[in-house]
N, C-alpha and C. Protein backbone atom coordinates (compact mmCIF):
# COMPACT_ATOMS: atom_id res chain seq x y z
N MET A 1 -6.70 -22.10 -1.27
CA MET A 1 -5.83 -21.11 -0.89
C MET A 1 -6.10 -19.96 -1.55
N LEU A 2 -5.93 -18.81 -0.90
CA LEU A 2 -6.15 -17.50 -1.43
C LEU A 2 -5.09 -16.97 -2.50
N THR A 3 -5.70 -16.22 -3.51
CA THR A 3 -4.50 -16.08 -4.72
C THR A 3 -4.43 -14.59 -4.72
N LEU A 4 -3.44 -14.04 -4.99
CA LEU A 4 -3.19 -12.61 -4.86
C LEU A 4 -2.35 -12.29 -6.34
N TYR A 5 -3.15 -11.50 -6.92
CA TYR A 5 -2.55 -10.65 -8.03
C TYR A 5 -1.91 -9.76 -7.90
N SER A 6 -0.49 -9.69 -8.11
CA SER A 6 0.44 -8.52 -7.42
C SER A 6 1.41 -8.05 -8.35
N TYR A 7 2.01 -6.88 -8.12
CA TYR A 7 3.17 -6.29 -8.93
C TYR A 7 4.20 -6.07 -7.70
N TRP A 8 5.34 -6.46 -7.78
CA TRP A 8 6.32 -6.37 -6.67
C TRP A 8 6.43 -4.88 -6.22
N ARG A 9 6.34 -3.96 -7.16
CA ARG A 9 6.67 -2.46 -6.74
C ARG A 9 5.28 -1.75 -6.59
N SER A 10 4.15 -2.39 -6.79
CA SER A 10 2.93 -1.69 -6.58
C SER A 10 2.70 -1.65 -4.92
N SER A 11 2.63 -0.29 -4.51
CA SER A 11 2.48 0.05 -2.99
C SER A 11 0.99 -0.47 -2.64
N ALA A 12 -0.04 -0.60 -3.47
CA ALA A 12 -1.30 -1.00 -3.05
C ALA A 12 -0.97 -2.64 -2.81
N ALA A 13 -0.35 -3.32 -3.82
CA ALA A 13 -0.17 -4.76 -3.63
C ALA A 13 0.47 -4.97 -2.39
N TYR A 14 1.57 -4.17 -1.99
CA TYR A 14 2.45 -4.27 -0.79
C TYR A 14 1.56 -4.14 0.46
N ARG A 15 0.48 -3.25 0.38
CA ARG A 15 -0.41 -3.26 1.69
C ARG A 15 -0.78 -4.44 1.86
N VAL A 16 -1.45 -5.23 1.03
CA VAL A 16 -2.04 -6.52 0.98
C VAL A 16 -1.07 -7.61 1.53
N ARG A 17 -0.07 -7.66 0.78
CA ARG A 17 0.95 -8.61 1.24
C ARG A 17 1.14 -8.54 2.75
N ILE A 18 1.50 -7.32 3.20
CA ILE A 18 1.55 -6.96 4.53
C ILE A 18 0.47 -7.67 5.53
N ALA A 19 -0.73 -7.16 5.04
CA ALA A 19 -1.95 -7.68 5.99
C ALA A 19 -1.92 -9.26 5.86
N LEU A 20 -1.75 -9.66 4.74
CA LEU A 20 -1.72 -11.25 4.81
C LEU A 20 -0.70 -11.84 5.76
N GLY A 21 0.56 -11.42 5.63
CA GLY A 21 1.47 -11.61 6.51
C GLY A 21 1.07 -11.48 8.10
N LEU A 22 0.38 -10.36 8.33
CA LEU A 22 0.19 -9.94 9.76
C LEU A 22 -0.92 -11.16 10.23
N LYS A 23 -1.92 -11.44 9.21
CA LYS A 23 -2.82 -12.45 9.58
C LYS A 23 -2.17 -13.82 9.59
N GLY A 24 -0.97 -14.17 9.05
CA GLY A 24 -0.51 -15.41 8.93
C GLY A 24 -1.11 -16.40 8.00
N LEU A 25 -1.70 -15.64 7.06
CA LEU A 25 -2.66 -16.44 6.02
C LEU A 25 -1.73 -16.97 4.62
N ALA A 26 -1.55 -18.06 4.45
CA ALA A 26 -1.08 -18.70 3.23
C ALA A 26 -1.66 -18.26 1.85
N TYR A 27 -0.97 -17.86 0.85
CA TYR A 27 -1.68 -17.49 -0.41
C TYR A 27 -0.56 -17.77 -1.64
N ARG A 28 -1.36 -17.84 -2.60
CA ARG A 28 -0.45 -18.03 -3.84
C ARG A 28 -0.43 -16.75 -4.67
N GLN A 29 0.86 -16.28 -5.06
CA GLN A 29 1.05 -14.96 -5.72
C GLN A 29 1.08 -15.14 -7.25
N VAL A 30 0.43 -14.30 -7.93
CA VAL A 30 0.62 -14.32 -9.49
C VAL A 30 0.81 -12.89 -9.92
N PRO A 31 2.10 -12.99 -10.43
CA PRO A 31 2.76 -11.38 -10.84
C PRO A 31 1.95 -10.93 -11.93
N VAL A 32 1.64 -9.73 -12.02
CA VAL A 32 1.07 -9.02 -13.07
C VAL A 32 2.00 -7.61 -13.30
N HIS A 33 2.72 -7.85 -14.33
CA HIS A 33 3.85 -6.84 -14.68
C HIS A 33 3.12 -5.54 -15.22
N LEU A 34 3.26 -4.51 -14.66
CA LEU A 34 2.51 -3.29 -14.96
C LEU A 34 3.21 -2.43 -16.05
N VAL A 35 4.41 -3.17 -16.50
CA VAL A 35 5.19 -2.20 -17.72
C VAL A 35 5.25 -3.03 -18.82
N LYS A 36 5.76 -4.17 -18.66
CA LYS A 36 6.12 -5.27 -19.68
C LYS A 36 4.75 -5.58 -20.43
N ASP A 37 4.85 -5.63 -21.94
CA ASP A 37 4.05 -6.08 -22.98
C ASP A 37 2.78 -4.76 -22.73
N GLY A 38 3.15 -3.79 -22.68
CA GLY A 38 2.30 -2.40 -22.47
C GLY A 38 1.50 -2.62 -21.22
N GLY A 39 1.73 -3.31 -20.30
CA GLY A 39 1.10 -3.54 -18.99
C GLY A 39 0.23 -4.59 -19.04
N GLN A 40 0.69 -5.57 -18.29
CA GLN A 40 -0.03 -6.69 -18.30
C GLN A 40 -1.43 -6.82 -17.66
N GLN A 41 -1.59 -5.80 -17.01
CA GLN A 41 -3.00 -5.61 -16.33
C GLN A 41 -4.25 -5.24 -17.53
N HIS A 42 -3.74 -4.79 -18.57
CA HIS A 42 -4.45 -4.67 -19.76
C HIS A 42 -4.90 -5.64 -20.61
N ALA A 43 -4.32 -6.86 -20.27
CA ALA A 43 -4.32 -8.13 -20.98
C ALA A 43 -5.77 -8.57 -21.05
N ALA A 44 -6.46 -9.07 -22.00
CA ALA A 44 -7.92 -9.56 -21.83
C ALA A 44 -8.03 -10.68 -20.68
N ASP A 45 -7.16 -11.53 -20.53
CA ASP A 45 -7.34 -12.65 -19.53
C ASP A 45 -7.63 -11.97 -18.17
N TYR A 46 -6.55 -10.92 -17.83
CA TYR A 46 -6.72 -10.25 -16.56
C TYR A 46 -7.87 -9.26 -16.51
N LYS A 47 -7.91 -8.57 -17.58
CA LYS A 47 -9.32 -7.65 -17.44
C LYS A 47 -10.45 -8.35 -17.26
N ALA A 48 -10.56 -9.63 -17.62
CA ALA A 48 -11.77 -10.41 -17.41
C ALA A 48 -11.98 -10.70 -15.88
N LEU A 49 -10.79 -10.88 -15.28
CA LEU A 49 -10.77 -11.08 -13.88
C LEU A 49 -11.25 -9.82 -13.13
N ASN A 50 -10.44 -8.71 -13.57
CA ASN A 50 -10.60 -7.40 -12.96
C ASN A 50 -10.64 -6.33 -13.90
N PRO A 51 -12.07 -6.04 -14.11
CA PRO A 51 -12.22 -4.86 -15.04
C PRO A 51 -11.48 -3.56 -14.99
N GLN A 52 -11.33 -3.46 -13.73
CA GLN A 52 -10.34 -2.13 -13.18
C GLN A 52 -8.99 -2.06 -13.74
N GLU A 53 -8.47 -3.25 -14.36
CA GLU A 53 -7.07 -3.34 -14.87
C GLU A 53 -6.10 -2.76 -13.92
N LEU A 54 -6.39 -3.03 -12.46
CA LEU A 54 -5.26 -2.71 -11.47
C LEU A 54 -4.87 -3.76 -10.58
N VAL A 55 -3.86 -3.67 -9.84
CA VAL A 55 -3.64 -4.69 -8.99
C VAL A 55 -3.74 -3.66 -7.65
N PRO A 56 -3.76 -4.74 -6.57
CA PRO A 56 -4.16 -6.01 -6.41
C PRO A 56 -5.38 -6.54 -6.71
N LEU A 57 -5.45 -7.88 -6.85
CA LEU A 57 -6.67 -8.55 -6.86
C LEU A 57 -6.42 -9.69 -5.98
N LEU A 58 -7.41 -9.86 -5.09
CA LEU A 58 -7.45 -11.26 -4.35
C LEU A 58 -8.70 -11.97 -4.76
N VAL A 59 -8.37 -13.54 -4.91
CA VAL A 59 -9.26 -14.37 -5.22
C VAL A 59 -9.23 -15.31 -4.09
N ASP A 60 -10.45 -15.62 -3.59
CA ASP A 60 -10.70 -16.28 -2.52
C ASP A 60 -12.13 -17.40 -3.07
N GLY A 61 -11.80 -18.40 -3.41
CA GLY A 61 -12.79 -19.40 -3.94
C GLY A 61 -13.44 -18.57 -5.13
N ASP A 62 -14.66 -18.41 -5.28
CA ASP A 62 -15.31 -17.80 -6.40
C ASP A 62 -15.40 -16.27 -6.27
N ALA A 63 -14.77 -15.73 -5.00
CA ALA A 63 -14.75 -14.29 -4.86
C ALA A 63 -13.73 -13.78 -5.40
N ARG A 64 -13.89 -12.49 -5.82
CA ARG A 64 -12.83 -11.66 -6.32
C ARG A 64 -13.02 -10.30 -5.58
N ILE A 65 -12.01 -9.87 -5.00
CA ILE A 65 -12.03 -8.52 -4.42
C ILE A 65 -10.86 -7.68 -4.92
N ALA A 66 -11.14 -6.54 -5.49
CA ALA A 66 -10.25 -5.66 -5.93
C ALA A 66 -10.16 -4.33 -4.91
N GLN A 67 -9.22 -3.47 -5.04
CA GLN A 67 -8.85 -2.46 -4.30
C GLN A 67 -8.18 -2.78 -2.88
N SER A 68 -7.12 -2.29 -2.71
CA SER A 68 -6.32 -2.98 -1.55
C SER A 68 -6.94 -2.73 -0.22
N LEU A 69 -7.53 -1.53 0.23
CA LEU A 69 -8.35 -1.41 1.40
C LEU A 69 -9.51 -2.30 1.55
N ALA A 70 -10.42 -2.24 0.58
CA ALA A 70 -11.29 -3.38 0.46
C ALA A 70 -11.07 -4.71 0.76
N ILE A 71 -9.75 -5.09 0.22
CA ILE A 71 -9.14 -6.31 0.65
C ILE A 71 -8.89 -6.54 2.04
N LEU A 72 -8.13 -5.49 2.59
CA LEU A 72 -7.87 -5.53 3.92
C LEU A 72 -9.13 -5.68 4.94
N GLU A 73 -10.11 -4.71 4.43
CA GLU A 73 -11.47 -5.09 5.34
C GLU A 73 -11.86 -6.32 5.18
N TYR A 74 -11.98 -6.95 3.83
CA TYR A 74 -12.60 -8.33 3.87
C TYR A 74 -11.77 -9.41 4.69
N LEU A 75 -10.29 -9.32 4.51
CA LEU A 75 -9.58 -10.11 5.42
C LEU A 75 -9.85 -9.94 6.90
N ASP A 76 -10.11 -8.72 7.32
CA ASP A 76 -10.30 -8.57 8.72
C ASP A 76 -11.69 -9.17 9.18
N GLU A 77 -12.60 -9.20 8.29
CA GLU A 77 -14.04 -9.63 8.63
C GLU A 77 -13.99 -11.19 8.35
N THR A 78 -13.17 -11.68 7.48
CA THR A 78 -13.37 -13.09 7.08
C THR A 78 -12.30 -13.91 8.13
N HIS A 79 -11.24 -13.23 8.57
CA HIS A 79 -10.09 -13.91 9.44
C HIS A 79 -9.93 -12.77 10.70
N PRO A 80 -10.85 -12.91 11.62
CA PRO A 80 -10.91 -11.65 12.57
C PRO A 80 -9.60 -11.50 13.36
N GLN A 81 -9.00 -12.74 13.68
CA GLN A 81 -7.75 -12.54 14.51
C GLN A 81 -6.27 -12.95 13.82
N PRO A 82 -5.35 -12.14 14.10
CA PRO A 82 -5.34 -11.07 14.73
C PRO A 82 -6.07 -9.79 13.87
N SER A 83 -6.60 -9.05 14.61
CA SER A 83 -7.28 -7.95 14.16
C SER A 83 -6.29 -6.76 13.37
N LEU A 84 -6.69 -6.24 12.35
CA LEU A 84 -5.99 -5.10 11.73
C LEU A 84 -6.46 -3.70 12.35
N LEU A 85 -7.49 -3.73 12.97
CA LEU A 85 -8.24 -2.30 13.53
C LEU A 85 -8.42 -2.42 14.96
N PRO A 86 -8.34 -1.19 15.40
CA PRO A 86 -8.89 -1.31 16.95
C PRO A 86 -10.24 -1.65 17.20
N ARG A 87 -10.56 -2.01 18.44
CA ARG A 87 -11.84 -2.21 18.78
C ARG A 87 -12.79 -1.03 18.92
N ASP A 88 -12.21 -0.06 19.52
CA ASP A 88 -13.14 1.16 19.88
C ASP A 88 -13.34 1.89 18.56
N ALA A 89 -14.76 2.26 18.58
CA ALA A 89 -15.16 2.82 17.33
C ALA A 89 -14.45 4.08 16.74
N LEU A 90 -14.15 5.05 17.76
CA LEU A 90 -13.41 6.22 17.36
C LEU A 90 -12.02 5.99 16.98
N GLN A 91 -11.32 5.11 17.64
CA GLN A 91 -9.80 4.90 17.30
C GLN A 91 -9.96 4.11 15.84
N ARG A 92 -10.96 3.29 15.68
CA ARG A 92 -11.03 2.73 14.29
C ARG A 92 -11.03 3.65 13.14
N ALA A 93 -12.08 4.60 13.51
CA ALA A 93 -12.44 5.68 12.39
C ALA A 93 -11.12 6.47 12.10
N GLN A 94 -10.53 6.99 13.27
CA GLN A 94 -9.28 7.68 13.10
C GLN A 94 -8.20 6.92 12.42
N VAL A 95 -7.98 5.53 12.51
CA VAL A 95 -6.75 4.75 11.86
C VAL A 95 -7.45 4.76 10.46
N ARG A 96 -8.73 4.40 10.23
CA ARG A 96 -9.11 4.44 8.73
C ARG A 96 -8.85 5.86 7.99
N ALA A 97 -9.08 6.82 8.81
CA ALA A 97 -8.93 8.03 8.10
C ALA A 97 -7.46 8.35 7.74
N LEU A 98 -6.65 7.98 8.43
CA LEU A 98 -5.15 8.19 8.00
C LEU A 98 -4.77 7.33 6.98
N ALA A 99 -5.31 5.97 7.09
CA ALA A 99 -4.94 5.03 5.96
C ALA A 99 -5.72 5.60 4.63
N LEU A 100 -6.86 6.08 4.77
CA LEU A 100 -7.42 6.63 3.47
C LEU A 100 -6.51 7.73 2.93
N HIS A 101 -6.16 8.75 3.80
CA HIS A 101 -5.38 9.75 3.59
C HIS A 101 -4.09 9.31 2.40
N ILE A 102 -3.37 8.15 3.08
CA ILE A 102 -2.41 7.65 2.32
C ILE A 102 -3.00 6.95 0.92
N ALA A 103 -3.96 6.24 0.90
CA ALA A 103 -4.32 5.49 -0.19
C ALA A 103 -5.16 6.18 -1.24
N CYS A 104 -5.84 7.30 -0.71
CA CYS A 104 -6.66 7.89 -1.58
C CYS A 104 -6.30 9.45 -1.91
N ASP A 105 -5.39 10.11 -1.22
CA ASP A 105 -5.08 11.51 -1.33
C ASP A 105 -3.46 11.46 -1.68
N ILE A 106 -2.58 10.59 -1.26
CA ILE A 106 -1.18 10.81 -1.46
C ILE A 106 -0.86 9.79 -2.76
N HIS A 107 -1.24 8.39 -2.36
CA HIS A 107 -0.92 7.64 -3.41
C HIS A 107 -1.28 7.78 -4.75
N PRO A 108 -2.44 8.10 -5.27
CA PRO A 108 -2.94 8.15 -6.55
C PRO A 108 -2.10 9.30 -7.31
N LEU A 109 -1.59 10.25 -6.62
CA LEU A 109 -0.88 11.35 -7.34
C LEU A 109 0.48 10.92 -7.62
N ASN A 110 0.93 9.72 -7.30
CA ASN A 110 2.22 9.18 -7.61
C ASN A 110 2.17 7.80 -8.19
N ASN A 111 0.85 7.41 -8.63
CA ASN A 111 0.90 5.97 -9.09
C ASN A 111 1.26 6.03 -10.46
N LEU A 112 1.65 4.73 -10.98
CA LEU A 112 2.22 4.54 -12.30
C LEU A 112 1.56 5.25 -13.39
N ARG A 113 0.28 5.01 -13.48
CA ARG A 113 -0.61 5.24 -14.51
C ARG A 113 -0.71 6.88 -14.70
N VAL A 114 -0.78 7.40 -13.62
CA VAL A 114 -0.66 9.02 -13.51
C VAL A 114 0.70 9.68 -13.84
N LEU A 115 1.86 8.92 -13.61
CA LEU A 115 3.08 9.36 -13.81
C LEU A 115 3.39 9.06 -15.39
N GLN A 116 2.75 7.88 -15.89
CA GLN A 116 2.81 7.70 -17.18
C GLN A 116 2.14 8.58 -18.11
N TYR A 117 1.09 9.18 -17.67
CA TYR A 117 0.32 10.04 -18.35
C TYR A 117 0.97 11.61 -18.30
N LEU A 118 1.54 11.84 -17.29
CA LEU A 118 2.36 13.03 -17.02
C LEU A 118 3.41 13.14 -18.08
N SER A 119 4.19 11.95 -18.09
CA SER A 119 5.50 12.03 -19.11
C SER A 119 5.05 11.55 -20.50
N GLY A 120 4.07 11.12 -20.63
CA GLY A 120 3.54 10.65 -21.96
C GLY A 120 2.87 11.72 -22.81
N PRO A 121 1.29 11.69 -22.65
CA PRO A 121 0.55 12.65 -23.28
C PRO A 121 0.77 14.19 -23.12
N LEU A 122 1.08 14.39 -21.86
CA LEU A 122 1.24 15.62 -21.29
C LEU A 122 2.71 16.12 -21.56
N GLY A 123 3.47 15.35 -21.85
CA GLY A 123 4.96 15.71 -22.12
C GLY A 123 5.72 16.50 -20.95
N VAL A 124 5.31 16.05 -19.59
CA VAL A 124 6.02 16.61 -18.65
C VAL A 124 7.43 15.94 -18.30
N ALA A 125 8.64 16.99 -18.20
CA ALA A 125 9.95 16.38 -18.11
C ALA A 125 10.16 15.78 -16.98
N ASP A 126 11.16 14.82 -16.96
CA ASP A 126 11.15 14.04 -15.80
C ASP A 126 11.56 14.95 -14.35
N ASP A 127 12.28 15.96 -14.37
CA ASP A 127 12.57 16.70 -13.46
C ASP A 127 11.41 17.37 -12.79
N ALA A 128 10.43 17.87 -13.70
CA ALA A 128 9.17 18.23 -13.14
C ALA A 128 8.20 17.36 -12.70
N LYS A 129 8.18 16.33 -13.36
CA LYS A 129 7.53 15.22 -12.84
C LYS A 129 7.85 14.44 -11.46
N ASN A 130 9.41 14.38 -11.21
CA ASN A 130 9.72 14.32 -9.92
C ASN A 130 9.48 15.09 -8.80
N ALA A 131 9.59 16.27 -9.25
CA ALA A 131 9.13 17.54 -8.33
C ALA A 131 7.62 17.38 -7.89
N TRP A 132 6.66 17.11 -8.78
CA TRP A 132 5.52 16.68 -8.58
C TRP A 132 5.25 15.63 -7.52
N ILE A 133 5.99 14.65 -7.70
CA ILE A 133 5.93 13.47 -6.87
C ILE A 133 6.16 13.91 -5.37
N ARG A 134 7.34 14.65 -5.38
CA ARG A 134 7.80 14.84 -3.99
C ARG A 134 7.21 15.90 -3.37
N HIS A 135 6.47 16.86 -3.87
CA HIS A 135 5.49 17.81 -3.50
C HIS A 135 4.26 17.10 -2.94
N TRP A 136 3.94 16.17 -3.40
CA TRP A 136 2.49 15.63 -2.92
C TRP A 136 2.71 14.63 -2.01
N VAL A 137 3.75 13.84 -2.17
CA VAL A 137 4.10 12.82 -1.08
C VAL A 137 4.50 13.67 0.17
N GLU A 138 5.35 14.65 0.12
CA GLU A 138 5.84 15.25 1.43
C GLU A 138 4.52 16.07 1.88
N THR A 139 3.70 16.75 1.29
CA THR A 139 2.63 17.45 1.74
C THR A 139 1.71 16.51 2.46
N GLY A 140 1.30 15.37 1.99
CA GLY A 140 0.54 14.50 2.41
C GLY A 140 1.14 13.82 3.86
N LEU A 141 2.31 13.20 3.64
CA LEU A 141 3.14 12.60 4.85
C LEU A 141 2.94 13.60 6.01
N HIS A 142 3.16 14.84 5.90
CA HIS A 142 3.18 15.82 7.04
C HIS A 142 1.93 15.81 7.57
N ALA A 143 0.93 15.82 6.81
CA ALA A 143 -0.58 15.77 7.49
C ALA A 143 -0.63 14.45 8.22
N VAL A 144 -0.13 13.41 7.84
CA VAL A 144 -0.30 12.10 8.43
C VAL A 144 0.62 12.04 9.65
N GLU A 145 1.80 12.70 9.60
CA GLU A 145 2.63 12.72 10.81
C GLU A 145 1.77 13.57 12.19
N GLN A 146 1.03 14.61 11.61
CA GLN A 146 0.17 15.39 12.67
C GLN A 146 -0.85 14.51 13.05
N GLY A 147 -1.34 13.62 12.24
CA GLY A 147 -2.58 12.76 12.78
C GLY A 147 -1.98 11.69 13.81
N VAL A 148 -0.80 11.25 13.61
CA VAL A 148 -0.56 10.19 14.59
C VAL A 148 0.14 10.83 15.97
N ALA A 149 0.17 12.20 16.03
CA ALA A 149 0.82 12.76 17.37
C ALA A 149 -0.08 12.59 18.53
N ALA A 150 -1.36 12.21 18.43
CA ALA A 150 -2.11 12.09 19.55
C ALA A 150 -2.30 10.67 20.12
N TRP A 151 -1.31 9.58 19.38
CA TRP A 151 -1.53 8.36 19.65
C TRP A 151 -0.96 8.24 21.05
N THR A 152 -1.33 7.14 21.91
CA THR A 152 -0.82 6.97 23.15
C THR A 152 0.29 5.76 23.03
N GLY A 153 0.18 4.76 22.20
CA GLY A 153 1.14 3.75 22.09
C GLY A 153 1.81 4.11 20.70
N PRO A 154 2.97 3.21 20.48
CA PRO A 154 3.96 3.41 19.47
C PRO A 154 3.37 3.08 18.21
N LEU A 155 2.33 2.08 18.12
CA LEU A 155 1.64 1.67 16.76
C LEU A 155 0.21 1.97 16.92
N SER A 156 -0.58 1.69 15.74
CA SER A 156 -1.91 2.05 15.94
C SER A 156 -2.64 0.87 16.78
N LEU A 157 -2.22 0.00 17.13
CA LEU A 157 -2.69 -1.16 17.93
C LEU A 157 -1.94 -1.25 19.28
N GLY A 158 -1.57 -0.10 19.51
CA GLY A 158 -0.72 -0.27 20.87
C GLY A 158 0.73 -0.70 20.42
N GLU A 159 1.08 -2.06 20.78
CA GLU A 159 2.42 -2.45 20.38
C GLU A 159 2.42 -3.30 19.17
N ARG A 160 1.34 -3.40 18.61
CA ARG A 160 1.18 -4.37 17.40
C ARG A 160 0.77 -3.40 16.09
N PRO A 161 1.42 -3.64 14.94
CA PRO A 161 0.89 -2.98 13.71
C PRO A 161 -0.30 -3.52 13.13
N GLY A 162 -1.02 -2.76 12.24
CA GLY A 162 -2.26 -3.28 11.55
C GLY A 162 -2.58 -2.40 10.41
N TYR A 163 -3.76 -2.22 10.27
CA TYR A 163 -4.20 -1.53 8.86
C TYR A 163 -3.38 -0.28 8.66
N PHE A 164 -3.20 0.44 9.61
CA PHE A 164 -2.47 1.86 9.24
C PHE A 164 -1.17 1.45 8.65
N GLU A 165 -0.51 0.89 9.40
CA GLU A 165 1.13 0.51 9.27
C GLU A 165 1.31 -0.32 7.86
N ALA A 166 0.26 -1.09 7.45
CA ALA A 166 0.19 -1.91 6.23
C ALA A 166 -0.05 -0.69 4.91
N CYS A 167 -0.40 0.45 5.29
CA CYS A 167 -0.54 1.40 4.20
C CYS A 167 0.66 2.53 4.32
N LEU A 168 1.01 2.58 5.59
CA LEU A 168 2.25 3.68 5.81
C LEU A 168 3.46 3.08 5.15
N VAL A 169 3.96 1.91 5.55
CA VAL A 169 5.31 1.45 5.06
C VAL A 169 5.54 1.40 3.48
N PRO A 170 4.49 0.96 2.93
CA PRO A 170 4.47 1.13 1.32
C PRO A 170 4.81 2.43 0.81
N GLN A 171 4.18 3.36 1.43
CA GLN A 171 4.24 4.82 0.88
C GLN A 171 5.50 5.33 1.53
N LEU A 172 6.20 5.06 2.47
CA LEU A 172 7.35 5.51 2.82
C LEU A 172 8.54 4.71 1.89
N TYR A 173 8.21 3.50 1.70
CA TYR A 173 9.20 3.01 0.40
C TYR A 173 9.16 3.96 -0.83
N ASN A 174 7.82 4.28 -1.18
CA ASN A 174 8.07 5.05 -2.40
C ASN A 174 8.53 6.41 -2.20
N ALA A 175 8.33 6.99 -1.01
CA ALA A 175 8.77 8.27 -0.71
C ALA A 175 10.42 8.17 -0.83
N ARG A 176 11.03 7.19 -0.31
CA ARG A 176 12.46 7.11 -0.24
C ARG A 176 12.94 6.80 -1.66
N ARG A 177 12.21 5.91 -2.36
CA ARG A 177 12.45 5.77 -3.99
C ARG A 177 12.64 7.08 -4.65
N PHE A 178 11.83 7.86 -4.37
CA PHE A 178 11.85 9.27 -5.16
C PHE A 178 12.52 10.38 -4.55
N GLY A 179 13.20 10.16 -3.51
CA GLY A 179 13.97 11.08 -2.80
C GLY A 179 13.36 12.12 -1.97
N CYS A 180 12.26 11.87 -1.39
CA CYS A 180 11.30 12.76 -0.66
C CYS A 180 12.12 13.10 0.54
N ASP A 181 12.03 14.29 1.19
CA ASP A 181 12.44 15.03 2.22
C ASP A 181 11.68 14.32 3.45
N LEU A 182 12.04 13.50 4.26
CA LEU A 182 11.33 12.88 5.11
C LEU A 182 11.64 13.36 6.62
N SER A 183 12.43 14.56 6.76
CA SER A 183 12.81 15.00 8.01
C SER A 183 11.73 15.55 8.84
N GLY A 184 10.60 15.88 8.10
CA GLY A 184 9.65 16.34 8.97
C GLY A 184 8.61 15.37 9.61
N CYS A 185 9.03 14.05 9.32
CA CYS A 185 8.10 13.02 9.81
C CYS A 185 8.79 12.01 10.80
N PRO A 186 9.20 12.44 11.97
CA PRO A 186 10.07 11.77 12.77
C PRO A 186 9.09 10.52 13.42
N ARG A 187 7.76 10.91 13.57
CA ARG A 187 6.94 9.88 14.12
C ARG A 187 6.54 8.78 13.13
N LEU A 188 6.41 8.91 11.86
CA LEU A 188 6.30 8.04 10.95
C LEU A 188 7.37 7.22 10.89
N LEU A 189 8.65 7.80 10.76
CA LEU A 189 9.86 7.00 10.39
C LEU A 189 10.15 6.01 11.83
N ALA A 190 9.70 6.61 12.90
CA ALA A 190 9.91 5.64 14.24
C ALA A 190 8.88 4.44 14.02
N ILE A 191 7.56 4.76 13.37
CA ILE A 191 6.53 3.67 13.35
C ILE A 191 7.07 2.82 12.14
N ALA A 192 7.80 3.16 11.11
CA ALA A 192 8.27 2.11 10.11
C ALA A 192 9.64 1.45 10.67
N ALA A 193 10.32 2.03 11.49
CA ALA A 193 11.37 1.45 12.11
C ALA A 193 11.00 0.32 12.92
N ARG A 194 9.96 0.40 13.68
CA ARG A 194 9.41 -0.70 14.49
C ARG A 194 8.65 -1.94 13.56
N CYS A 195 8.17 -1.51 12.38
CA CYS A 195 7.62 -2.40 11.45
C CYS A 195 8.57 -3.22 10.75
N GLU A 196 9.34 -2.52 10.13
CA GLU A 196 10.19 -3.19 8.93
C GLU A 196 10.91 -4.34 9.18
N PRO A 197 11.53 -4.52 10.41
CA PRO A 197 12.19 -5.87 10.98
C PRO A 197 11.10 -7.04 11.15
N LEU A 198 9.80 -6.74 11.43
CA LEU A 198 9.10 -7.72 11.37
C LEU A 198 8.86 -8.66 10.22
N GLU A 199 8.63 -10.13 10.60
CA GLU A 199 8.62 -11.05 9.34
C GLU A 199 7.48 -10.68 8.39
N ALA A 200 6.26 -10.04 8.72
CA ALA A 200 5.32 -9.86 7.78
C ALA A 200 5.57 -8.71 6.94
N PHE A 201 6.35 -7.71 7.47
CA PHE A 201 6.88 -6.73 6.61
C PHE A 201 7.91 -7.13 5.77
N GLN A 202 9.03 -7.86 6.41
CA GLN A 202 10.11 -8.29 5.45
C GLN A 202 9.70 -9.29 4.32
N GLN A 203 8.64 -10.28 4.64
CA GLN A 203 8.25 -11.09 3.48
C GLN A 203 7.53 -10.23 2.49
N ALA A 204 6.79 -9.23 2.88
CA ALA A 204 5.99 -8.37 2.07
C ALA A 204 6.76 -7.40 1.02
N ALA A 205 8.08 -6.96 1.36
CA ALA A 205 9.17 -6.14 0.86
C ALA A 205 9.27 -6.43 -0.71
N PRO A 206 9.16 -5.41 -1.49
CA PRO A 206 8.97 -5.33 -2.70
C PRO A 206 10.29 -6.25 -3.61
N GLU A 207 11.58 -6.16 -2.83
CA GLU A 207 12.79 -6.74 -3.39
C GLU A 207 12.77 -8.26 -3.17
N VAL A 208 11.91 -8.87 -2.41
CA VAL A 208 11.79 -10.18 -2.11
C VAL A 208 10.78 -10.86 -2.84
N GLN A 209 10.04 -10.19 -3.71
CA GLN A 209 8.94 -10.82 -4.37
C GLN A 209 9.33 -11.61 -5.48
N PRO A 210 8.61 -12.69 -5.97
CA PRO A 210 9.17 -13.59 -7.07
C PRO A 210 9.40 -12.85 -8.55
N ASP A 211 8.68 -11.60 -8.69
CA ASP A 211 8.74 -10.82 -9.82
C ASP A 211 9.62 -9.67 -9.83
N ALA A 212 10.33 -9.63 -8.79
CA ALA A 212 11.26 -8.45 -8.21
C ALA A 212 12.24 -8.33 -9.47
N GLN A 213 12.71 -6.97 -9.77
CA GLN A 213 13.58 -6.90 -10.91
C GLN A 213 14.78 -5.99 -10.32
């Protein structure tokens, strides 16, 4: 069985939980608390598994795969059906581009270790830190909103969610958590509204994870 090292509030781990649900794959979840004990991701036993000291980490037999998008690609290649990406090469590239914008341009700027560095060594006050979060999340999501404007269907796979939605929904969860203004993203909100009632998204939601607090 697949094993996923995860943290309930990690949006990167949230992406993988969604993808596993969309694929209908059974897995065992091992919580790694990113705050307790100075951050359990820094513990020697976990560092031995994942030198990046991040979640998620997927273990499949002897294979260890870090980084959420690499895991999504791995799952799509090892368990092709149902697919997470469109068949058409151009559409596939466009979906990846939007997912990468979320995972590589928006998310890192509001990631826990970045926020801890802002409020810790740099001494940034909470109000300024939250303004930082809202600025970069809103700026990034407005660009993604424009990116989905040309879609012909309601979701990235027509009537079915996949790779893109697995990245979008966790980022919108974070955006709401930090009080971002999402009024300029009606298309993204409509996509999320279609996805969030689905079982794969319900079971992946942070609040229902075994380590949720």
